[in-house]
């Protein structure tokens, strides 16, 4: 398995897609039921292949990732050729970026001495999607990139 098996909830959400996937494998509903009972390891393999296909589709489309912790924000823009990172570190011990109050403080004080910035870029390894997935495994979530774009603009000035 290349990525990670979808959760039971995700599989339930993607039930119609999974049925189509089984159909492409020429597996009928009855055959699927008997596979689960008689050859559970084969059924598990099919779920793993389906999970990888779904992840591959998602990762092909993802452009922005965010990983926000108490004192750090790591904002990623995933371009065709490289991963760009804007990193923010809060030096004020009273601030937690994960709270509304903490993020509000940051928006008002982003130019203060209590905020450090770093930007970097890195070429992808052999498999661009594996690199993206590693960032997600570390806690990043897929976003539309508004925060990254806002930072990109203020850092240019």
N, C-alpha and C. Protein backbone atom coordinates (compact mmCIF):
# COMPACT_ATOMS: atom_id res chain seq x y z
N UNK A 1 0.84 -1.17 0.00
CA UNK A 1 0.00 0.00 0.00
C UNK A 1 0.88 1.24 0.00
N UNK A 2 0.59 2.15 -0.89
CA UNK A 2 1.44 3.32 -1.07
C UNK A 2 1.13 4.42 -0.05
N UNK A 3 -0.13 4.62 0.29
CA UNK A 3 -0.50 5.70 1.21
C UNK A 3 -1.07 5.13 2.50
N UNK A 4 -2.35 5.33 2.72
CA UNK A 4 -2.98 4.88 3.95
C UNK A 4 -4.40 4.45 3.63
N UNK A 5 -4.82 3.37 4.25
CA UNK A 5 -6.19 2.90 4.00
C UNK A 5 -7.19 3.96 4.45
N UNK A 6 -8.21 4.14 3.65
CA UNK A 6 -9.28 5.06 4.02
C UNK A 6 -9.98 4.51 5.27
N UNK A 7 -10.50 5.42 6.08
CA UNK A 7 -11.23 5.00 7.28
C UNK A 7 -12.57 4.41 6.87
N UNK A 8 -13.19 3.75 7.82
CA UNK A 8 -14.52 3.18 7.56
C UNK A 8 -15.49 4.29 7.13
N UNK A 9 -15.41 5.44 7.80
CA UNK A 9 -16.29 6.56 7.47
C UNK A 9 -16.02 7.06 6.05
N UNK A 10 -14.75 7.18 5.69
CA UNK A 10 -14.41 7.63 4.33
C UNK A 10 -14.90 6.64 3.29
N UNK A 11 -14.73 5.35 3.58
CA UNK A 11 -15.21 4.32 2.65
C UNK A 11 -16.73 4.39 2.49
N UNK A 12 -17.42 4.63 3.59
CA UNK A 12 -18.88 4.75 3.51
C UNK A 12 -19.27 5.96 2.66
N UNK A 13 -18.57 7.07 2.83
CA UNK A 13 -18.83 8.27 2.02
C UNK A 13 -18.60 8.00 0.54
N UNK A 14 -17.61 7.19 0.25
CA UNK A 14 -17.22 6.91 -1.14
C UNK A 14 -17.84 5.61 -1.66
N UNK A 15 -18.92 5.17 -1.02
CA UNK A 15 -19.55 3.91 -1.40
C UNK A 15 -19.87 3.82 -2.90
N UNK A 16 -20.49 4.85 -3.49
CA UNK A 16 -20.78 4.75 -4.94
C UNK A 16 -19.51 4.59 -5.78
N UNK A 17 -18.46 5.32 -5.40
CA UNK A 17 -17.19 5.22 -6.13
C UNK A 17 -16.58 3.84 -5.96
N UNK A 18 -16.72 3.27 -4.75
CA UNK A 18 -16.18 1.94 -4.50
C UNK A 18 -16.91 0.89 -5.34
N UNK A 19 -18.23 1.03 -5.45
CA UNK A 19 -19.01 0.11 -6.29
C UNK A 19 -18.52 0.20 -7.75
N UNK A 20 -18.30 1.42 -8.22
CA UNK A 20 -17.77 1.59 -9.59
C UNK A 20 -16.40 0.96 -9.73
N UNK A 21 -15.56 1.13 -8.70
CA UNK A 21 -14.23 0.55 -8.71
C UNK A 21 -14.32 -0.98 -8.82
N UNK A 22 -15.19 -1.57 -8.01
CA UNK A 22 -15.36 -3.03 -8.07
C UNK A 22 -15.86 -3.45 -9.45
N UNK A 23 -16.75 -2.66 -10.03
CA UNK A 23 -17.27 -2.97 -11.36
C UNK A 23 -16.14 -2.96 -12.39
N UNK A 24 -15.20 -2.04 -12.24
CA UNK A 24 -14.07 -2.02 -13.19
C UNK A 24 -13.19 -3.26 -13.02
N UNK A 25 -13.26 -3.87 -11.83
CA UNK A 25 -12.53 -5.12 -11.57
C UNK A 25 -13.39 -6.34 -11.93
N UNK A 26 -14.57 -6.08 -12.52
CA UNK A 26 -15.55 -7.13 -12.86
C UNK A 26 -15.98 -7.92 -11.63
N UNK A 27 -16.16 -7.21 -10.52
CA UNK A 27 -16.62 -7.84 -9.29
C UNK A 27 -18.05 -7.36 -9.01
N UNK A 28 -18.99 -8.27 -8.98
CA UNK A 28 -20.38 -7.93 -8.70
C UNK A 28 -20.59 -7.83 -7.19
N UNK A 29 -21.77 -7.33 -6.80
CA UNK A 29 -22.09 -7.22 -5.37
C UNK A 29 -22.07 -8.59 -4.70
N UNK A 30 -22.63 -9.59 -5.37
CA UNK A 30 -22.63 -10.95 -4.79
C UNK A 30 -21.21 -11.49 -4.65
N UNK A 31 -20.39 -11.26 -5.69
CA UNK A 31 -18.99 -11.73 -5.63
C UNK A 31 -18.24 -11.01 -4.50
N UNK A 32 -18.53 -9.73 -4.30
CA UNK A 32 -17.88 -8.97 -3.25
C UNK A 32 -18.24 -9.55 -1.88
N UNK A 33 -19.52 -9.85 -1.69
CA UNK A 33 -19.96 -10.43 -0.42
C UNK A 33 -19.27 -11.77 -0.16
N UNK A 34 -19.16 -12.60 -1.19
CA UNK A 34 -18.50 -13.89 -0.98
C UNK A 34 -16.99 -13.72 -0.79
N UNK A 35 -16.39 -12.75 -1.48
CA UNK A 35 -14.96 -12.46 -1.28
C UNK A 35 -14.69 -12.10 0.17
N UNK A 36 -15.52 -11.23 0.73
CA UNK A 36 -15.33 -10.79 2.12
C UNK A 36 -15.39 -11.98 3.08
N UNK A 37 -16.27 -12.93 2.79
CA UNK A 37 -16.42 -14.09 3.68
C UNK A 37 -15.34 -15.14 3.45
N UNK A 38 -15.09 -15.47 2.17
CA UNK A 38 -14.22 -16.60 1.85
C UNK A 38 -12.75 -16.23 1.68
N UNK A 39 -12.48 -15.01 1.20
CA UNK A 39 -11.10 -14.59 1.00
C UNK A 39 -10.93 -13.16 1.51
N UNK A 40 -11.02 -12.99 2.83
CA UNK A 40 -10.96 -11.63 3.39
C UNK A 40 -9.67 -10.88 3.02
N UNK A 41 -8.57 -11.63 2.85
CA UNK A 41 -7.30 -10.95 2.50
C UNK A 41 -7.38 -10.34 1.10
N UNK A 42 -8.11 -10.98 0.18
CA UNK A 42 -8.29 -10.43 -1.17
C UNK A 42 -9.17 -9.18 -1.10
N UNK A 43 -10.22 -9.25 -0.28
CA UNK A 43 -11.10 -8.09 -0.10
C UNK A 43 -10.31 -6.93 0.48
N UNK A 44 -9.45 -7.22 1.46
CA UNK A 44 -8.61 -6.18 2.07
C UNK A 44 -7.69 -5.55 1.02
N UNK A 45 -7.12 -6.38 0.16
CA UNK A 45 -6.25 -5.88 -0.91
C UNK A 45 -7.02 -4.94 -1.84
N UNK A 46 -8.25 -5.29 -2.16
CA UNK A 46 -9.08 -4.44 -3.03
C UNK A 46 -9.34 -3.08 -2.36
N UNK A 47 -9.60 -3.10 -1.06
CA UNK A 47 -9.83 -1.84 -0.33
C UNK A 47 -8.55 -1.01 -0.34
N UNK A 48 -7.39 -1.66 -0.18
CA UNK A 48 -6.11 -0.94 -0.21
C UNK A 48 -5.86 -0.31 -1.58
N UNK A 49 -6.13 -1.04 -2.64
CA UNK A 49 -5.93 -0.51 -4.00
C UNK A 49 -6.86 0.68 -4.21
N UNK A 50 -8.12 0.55 -3.80
CA UNK A 50 -9.09 1.64 -3.92
C UNK A 50 -8.62 2.85 -3.13
N UNK A 51 -8.16 2.64 -1.90
CA UNK A 51 -7.67 3.74 -1.06
C UNK A 51 -6.53 4.48 -1.74
N UNK A 52 -5.58 3.74 -2.29
CA UNK A 52 -4.46 4.38 -3.00
C UNK A 52 -4.95 5.19 -4.20
N UNK A 53 -5.92 4.65 -4.93
CA UNK A 53 -6.46 5.39 -6.08
C UNK A 53 -7.09 6.71 -5.64
N UNK A 54 -7.85 6.67 -4.56
CA UNK A 54 -8.50 7.88 -4.05
C UNK A 54 -7.43 8.89 -3.60
N UNK A 55 -6.45 8.41 -2.82
CA UNK A 55 -5.38 9.30 -2.37
C UNK A 55 -4.64 9.91 -3.55
N UNK A 56 -4.35 9.09 -4.54
CA UNK A 56 -3.62 9.57 -5.73
C UNK A 56 -4.40 10.72 -6.39
N UNK A 57 -5.72 10.54 -6.52
CA UNK A 57 -6.56 11.58 -7.12
C UNK A 57 -6.56 12.86 -6.31
N UNK A 58 -6.66 12.71 -4.99
CA UNK A 58 -6.65 13.89 -4.11
C UNK A 58 -5.30 14.59 -4.18
N UNK A 59 -4.23 13.82 -4.06
CA UNK A 59 -2.88 14.41 -4.04
C UNK A 59 -2.51 15.07 -5.37
N UNK A 60 -3.04 14.55 -6.47
CA UNK A 60 -2.79 15.18 -7.76
C UNK A 60 -3.37 16.58 -7.82
N UNK A 61 -4.44 16.81 -7.08
CA UNK A 61 -5.14 18.11 -7.14
C UNK A 61 -4.73 19.09 -6.06
N UNK A 62 -4.17 18.59 -4.96
CA UNK A 62 -3.89 19.48 -3.83
C UNK A 62 -2.83 20.51 -4.19
N UNK A 63 -3.11 21.77 -3.82
CA UNK A 63 -2.15 22.85 -4.09
C UNK A 63 -1.61 23.49 -2.82
N UNK A 64 -2.43 23.44 -1.75
CA UNK A 64 -2.04 24.11 -0.51
C UNK A 64 -2.27 23.18 0.69
N UNK A 65 -1.32 23.23 1.62
CA UNK A 65 -1.43 22.51 2.88
C UNK A 65 -1.08 23.47 4.01
N UNK A 66 -1.71 23.28 5.16
CA UNK A 66 -1.40 24.09 6.34
C UNK A 66 -1.22 23.16 7.53
N UNK A 67 -0.21 23.45 8.33
CA UNK A 67 -0.01 22.75 9.59
C UNK A 67 0.19 23.82 10.65
N UNK A 68 -0.85 23.99 11.50
CA UNK A 68 -0.83 25.04 12.52
C UNK A 68 -0.77 24.38 13.89
N UNK A 69 0.23 24.78 14.67
CA UNK A 69 0.34 24.30 16.05
C UNK A 69 0.29 25.52 16.97
N UNK A 70 0.56 25.31 18.23
CA UNK A 70 0.44 26.39 19.20
C UNK A 70 1.30 27.61 18.83
N UNK A 71 2.54 27.37 18.45
CA UNK A 71 3.48 28.48 18.20
C UNK A 71 3.97 28.57 16.75
N UNK A 72 3.53 27.67 15.89
CA UNK A 72 4.04 27.65 14.52
C UNK A 72 2.93 27.51 13.49
N UNK A 73 3.17 28.10 12.34
CA UNK A 73 2.32 27.86 11.17
C UNK A 73 3.26 27.47 10.04
N UNK A 74 2.97 26.35 9.42
CA UNK A 74 3.72 25.93 8.23
C UNK A 74 2.72 25.90 7.10
N UNK A 75 2.91 26.80 6.15
CA UNK A 75 1.98 26.95 5.03
C UNK A 75 2.71 26.53 3.76
N UNK A 76 2.13 25.58 3.04
CA UNK A 76 2.77 25.01 1.87
C UNK A 76 2.00 25.35 0.61
N UNK A 77 2.74 25.74 -0.42
CA UNK A 77 2.18 25.86 -1.77
C UNK A 77 2.88 24.80 -2.61
N UNK A 78 2.08 23.87 -3.12
CA UNK A 78 2.63 22.74 -3.86
C UNK A 78 2.49 23.01 -5.35
N UNK A 79 3.56 23.48 -5.95
CA UNK A 79 3.53 23.81 -7.38
C UNK A 79 3.90 22.57 -8.19
N UNK A 80 3.93 22.70 -9.48
CA UNK A 80 4.29 21.57 -10.33
C UNK A 80 5.73 21.11 -10.09
N UNK A 81 6.62 22.07 -9.85
CA UNK A 81 8.04 21.73 -9.77
C UNK A 81 8.60 21.62 -8.36
N UNK A 82 7.97 22.30 -7.39
CA UNK A 82 8.55 22.33 -6.05
C UNK A 82 7.49 22.58 -4.98
N UNK A 83 7.92 22.36 -3.73
CA UNK A 83 7.10 22.68 -2.56
C UNK A 83 7.64 23.97 -1.97
N UNK A 84 6.76 24.96 -1.83
CA UNK A 84 7.17 26.23 -1.23
C UNK A 84 6.60 26.28 0.19
N UNK A 85 7.40 26.75 1.12
CA UNK A 85 7.01 26.82 2.52
C UNK A 85 7.11 28.25 3.02
N UNK A 86 6.05 28.69 3.69
CA UNK A 86 6.11 29.91 4.49
C UNK A 86 5.91 29.46 5.93
N UNK A 87 6.87 29.77 6.77
CA UNK A 87 6.83 29.32 8.15
C UNK A 87 6.76 30.53 9.07
N UNK A 88 5.91 30.43 10.08
CA UNK A 88 5.73 31.50 11.05
C UNK A 88 5.98 30.92 12.43
N UNK A 89 6.74 31.65 13.24
CA UNK A 89 7.00 31.22 14.61
C UNK A 89 6.60 32.37 15.54
N UNK A 90 5.79 32.05 16.54
CA UNK A 90 5.34 33.04 17.52
C UNK A 90 6.22 32.93 18.76
N UNK A 91 6.80 34.05 19.17
CA UNK A 91 7.70 34.06 20.32
C UNK A 91 7.00 34.52 21.60
N UNK A 92 5.76 34.96 21.50
CA UNK A 92 4.99 35.39 22.66
C UNK A 92 4.46 34.15 23.37
N UNK A 93 4.91 33.89 24.61
CA UNK A 93 4.52 32.65 25.29
C UNK A 93 3.03 32.56 25.62
N UNK A 94 2.32 33.68 25.58
CA UNK A 94 0.90 33.67 25.95
C UNK A 94 -0.01 33.34 24.76
N UNK A 95 0.54 33.21 23.59
CA UNK A 95 -0.28 33.06 22.38
C UNK A 95 -0.34 31.61 21.92
N UNK A 96 -1.54 31.18 21.58
CA UNK A 96 -1.78 29.88 20.96
C UNK A 96 -2.50 30.13 19.64
N UNK A 97 -1.81 29.89 18.55
CA UNK A 97 -2.36 30.17 17.22
C UNK A 97 -3.62 29.36 16.91
N UNK A 98 -3.83 28.28 17.62
CA UNK A 98 -4.99 27.41 17.35
C UNK A 98 -6.28 27.98 17.93
N UNK A 99 -6.17 29.06 18.71
CA UNK A 99 -7.37 29.67 19.29
C UNK A 99 -7.72 30.94 18.51
N UNK A 100 -8.98 31.33 18.61
CA UNK A 100 -9.43 32.54 17.94
C UNK A 100 -8.70 33.76 18.49
N UNK A 101 -8.53 33.81 19.81
CA UNK A 101 -7.83 34.93 20.46
C UNK A 101 -6.38 34.98 19.99
N UNK A 102 -5.72 33.82 19.99
CA UNK A 102 -4.31 33.77 19.58
C UNK A 102 -4.11 34.15 18.13
N UNK A 103 -4.99 33.67 17.27
CA UNK A 103 -4.85 34.01 15.85
C UNK A 103 -5.19 35.48 15.62
N UNK A 104 -6.16 36.00 16.38
CA UNK A 104 -6.48 37.43 16.30
C UNK A 104 -5.28 38.28 16.70
N UNK A 105 -4.58 37.87 17.78
CA UNK A 105 -3.37 38.57 18.21
C UNK A 105 -2.35 38.57 17.07
N UNK A 106 -2.19 37.41 16.46
CA UNK A 106 -1.21 37.29 15.37
C UNK A 106 -1.55 38.25 14.22
N UNK A 107 -2.83 38.29 13.83
CA UNK A 107 -3.22 39.16 12.70
C UNK A 107 -2.94 40.64 13.02
N UNK A 108 -3.08 41.02 14.28
CA UNK A 108 -2.81 42.42 14.67
C UNK A 108 -1.31 42.69 14.84
N UNK A 109 -0.54 41.64 15.14
CA UNK A 109 0.87 41.84 15.51
C UNK A 109 1.85 41.12 14.59
N UNK A 110 1.44 40.81 13.38
CA UNK A 110 2.30 40.01 12.50
C UNK A 110 3.62 40.69 12.16
N UNK A 111 3.71 42.02 12.40
CA UNK A 111 4.97 42.72 12.11
C UNK A 111 5.80 42.96 13.36
N UNK A 112 5.35 42.42 14.49
CA UNK A 112 6.08 42.67 15.74
C UNK A 112 7.33 41.79 15.84
N UNK A 113 8.14 42.10 16.85
CA UNK A 113 9.35 41.32 17.11
C UNK A 113 9.03 39.95 17.69
N UNK A 114 7.77 39.72 18.04
CA UNK A 114 7.36 38.44 18.59
C UNK A 114 6.99 37.43 17.50
N UNK A 115 7.20 37.81 16.25
CA UNK A 115 6.85 36.93 15.13
C UNK A 115 8.06 36.80 14.21
N UNK A 116 8.46 35.57 13.94
CA UNK A 116 9.57 35.31 13.01
C UNK A 116 9.05 34.58 11.79
N UNK A 117 9.63 34.90 10.63
CA UNK A 117 9.22 34.30 9.37
C UNK A 117 10.38 33.58 8.71
N UNK A 118 10.05 32.58 7.96
CA UNK A 118 11.04 31.87 7.15
C UNK A 118 10.33 31.41 5.89
N UNK A 119 11.00 31.55 4.77
CA UNK A 119 10.43 30.96 3.56
C UNK A 119 11.50 30.07 2.93
N UNK A 120 11.03 29.01 2.31
CA UNK A 120 11.95 28.05 1.70
C UNK A 120 11.23 27.34 0.57
N UNK A 121 12.00 26.70 -0.26
CA UNK A 121 11.40 25.84 -1.28
C UNK A 121 12.27 24.61 -1.44
N UNK A 122 11.63 23.54 -1.89
CA UNK A 122 12.34 22.28 -2.00
C UNK A 122 11.80 21.53 -3.22
N UNK A 123 12.69 20.96 -3.98
CA UNK A 123 12.27 20.14 -5.12
C UNK A 123 11.65 18.86 -4.60
N UNK A 124 10.74 18.31 -5.37
CA UNK A 124 10.14 17.03 -5.01
C UNK A 124 11.17 15.91 -5.16
N UNK A 125 10.94 14.83 -4.44
CA UNK A 125 11.75 13.63 -4.61
C UNK A 125 11.26 12.87 -5.83
N UNK A 126 11.41 11.56 -5.79
CA UNK A 126 11.01 10.72 -6.93
C UNK A 126 9.52 10.76 -7.21
N UNK A 127 8.71 10.84 -6.15
CA UNK A 127 7.26 10.81 -6.29
C UNK A 127 6.65 12.00 -5.57
N UNK A 128 6.19 12.96 -6.35
CA UNK A 128 5.61 14.20 -5.84
C UNK A 128 4.49 13.92 -4.83
N UNK A 129 3.61 12.96 -5.14
CA UNK A 129 2.48 12.70 -4.26
C UNK A 129 2.89 12.08 -2.94
N UNK A 130 3.95 11.29 -2.94
CA UNK A 130 4.45 10.72 -1.68
C UNK A 130 4.98 11.86 -0.80
N UNK A 131 5.65 12.82 -1.40
CA UNK A 131 6.14 13.98 -0.64
C UNK A 131 4.98 14.76 -0.03
N UNK A 132 3.93 14.97 -0.81
CA UNK A 132 2.74 15.68 -0.30
C UNK A 132 2.10 14.89 0.83
N UNK A 133 2.01 13.58 0.66
CA UNK A 133 1.38 12.73 1.67
C UNK A 133 2.16 12.76 2.98
N UNK A 134 3.48 12.84 2.90
CA UNK A 134 4.31 12.92 4.11
C UNK A 134 3.95 14.16 4.93
N UNK A 135 3.69 15.27 4.27
CA UNK A 135 3.33 16.50 4.97
C UNK A 135 1.97 16.31 5.65
N UNK A 136 1.04 15.65 4.97
CA UNK A 136 -0.28 15.38 5.55
C UNK A 136 -0.13 14.45 6.76
N UNK A 137 0.71 13.43 6.64
CA UNK A 137 0.93 12.50 7.76
C UNK A 137 1.46 13.23 8.99
N UNK A 138 2.18 14.33 8.77
CA UNK A 138 2.74 15.09 9.89
C UNK A 138 1.73 16.06 10.49
N UNK A 139 0.49 16.03 9.98
CA UNK A 139 -0.56 16.85 10.60
C UNK A 139 -1.11 17.97 9.73
N UNK A 140 -0.63 18.14 8.53
CA UNK A 140 -1.13 19.21 7.67
C UNK A 140 -2.50 18.87 7.12
N UNK A 141 -3.27 19.90 6.84
CA UNK A 141 -4.59 19.73 6.22
C UNK A 141 -4.61 20.45 4.88
N UNK A 142 -5.44 19.95 3.99
CA UNK A 142 -5.59 20.54 2.66
C UNK A 142 -6.45 21.79 2.79
N UNK A 143 -6.01 22.88 2.17
CA UNK A 143 -6.77 24.13 2.21
C UNK A 143 -6.85 24.74 0.81
N UNK A 144 -7.56 25.86 0.75
CA UNK A 144 -7.66 26.61 -0.52
C UNK A 144 -6.50 27.59 -0.67
N UNK A 145 -5.70 27.76 0.38
CA UNK A 145 -4.50 28.57 0.29
C UNK A 145 -4.65 30.04 0.61
N UNK A 146 -5.79 30.43 1.20
CA UNK A 146 -5.98 31.86 1.49
C UNK A 146 -4.90 32.41 2.41
N UNK A 147 -4.57 31.64 3.45
CA UNK A 147 -3.56 32.09 4.41
C UNK A 147 -2.19 32.19 3.74
N UNK A 148 -1.82 31.20 2.95
CA UNK A 148 -0.55 31.24 2.23
C UNK A 148 -0.50 32.48 1.32
N UNK A 149 -1.56 32.72 0.58
CA UNK A 149 -1.59 33.84 -0.36
C UNK A 149 -1.50 35.18 0.36
N UNK A 150 -2.17 35.27 1.52
CA UNK A 150 -2.12 36.50 2.32
C UNK A 150 -0.67 36.76 2.76
N UNK A 151 -0.02 35.70 3.26
CA UNK A 151 1.37 35.83 3.68
C UNK A 151 2.28 36.19 2.52
N UNK A 152 2.07 35.52 1.42
CA UNK A 152 2.88 35.77 0.24
C UNK A 152 2.83 37.25 -0.11
N UNK A 153 1.65 37.85 -0.02
CA UNK A 153 1.51 39.27 -0.34
C UNK A 153 2.21 40.16 0.69
N UNK A 154 2.02 39.87 1.99
CA UNK A 154 2.64 40.76 2.98
C UNK A 154 4.16 40.61 3.00
N UNK A 155 4.66 39.44 2.62
CA UNK A 155 6.11 39.24 2.61
C UNK A 155 6.77 39.93 1.42
N UNK A 156 5.99 40.18 0.37
CA UNK A 156 6.55 40.87 -0.79
C UNK A 156 6.75 42.36 -0.53
N UNK A 157 5.98 42.91 0.42
CA UNK A 157 6.06 44.35 0.69
C UNK A 157 7.11 44.69 1.70
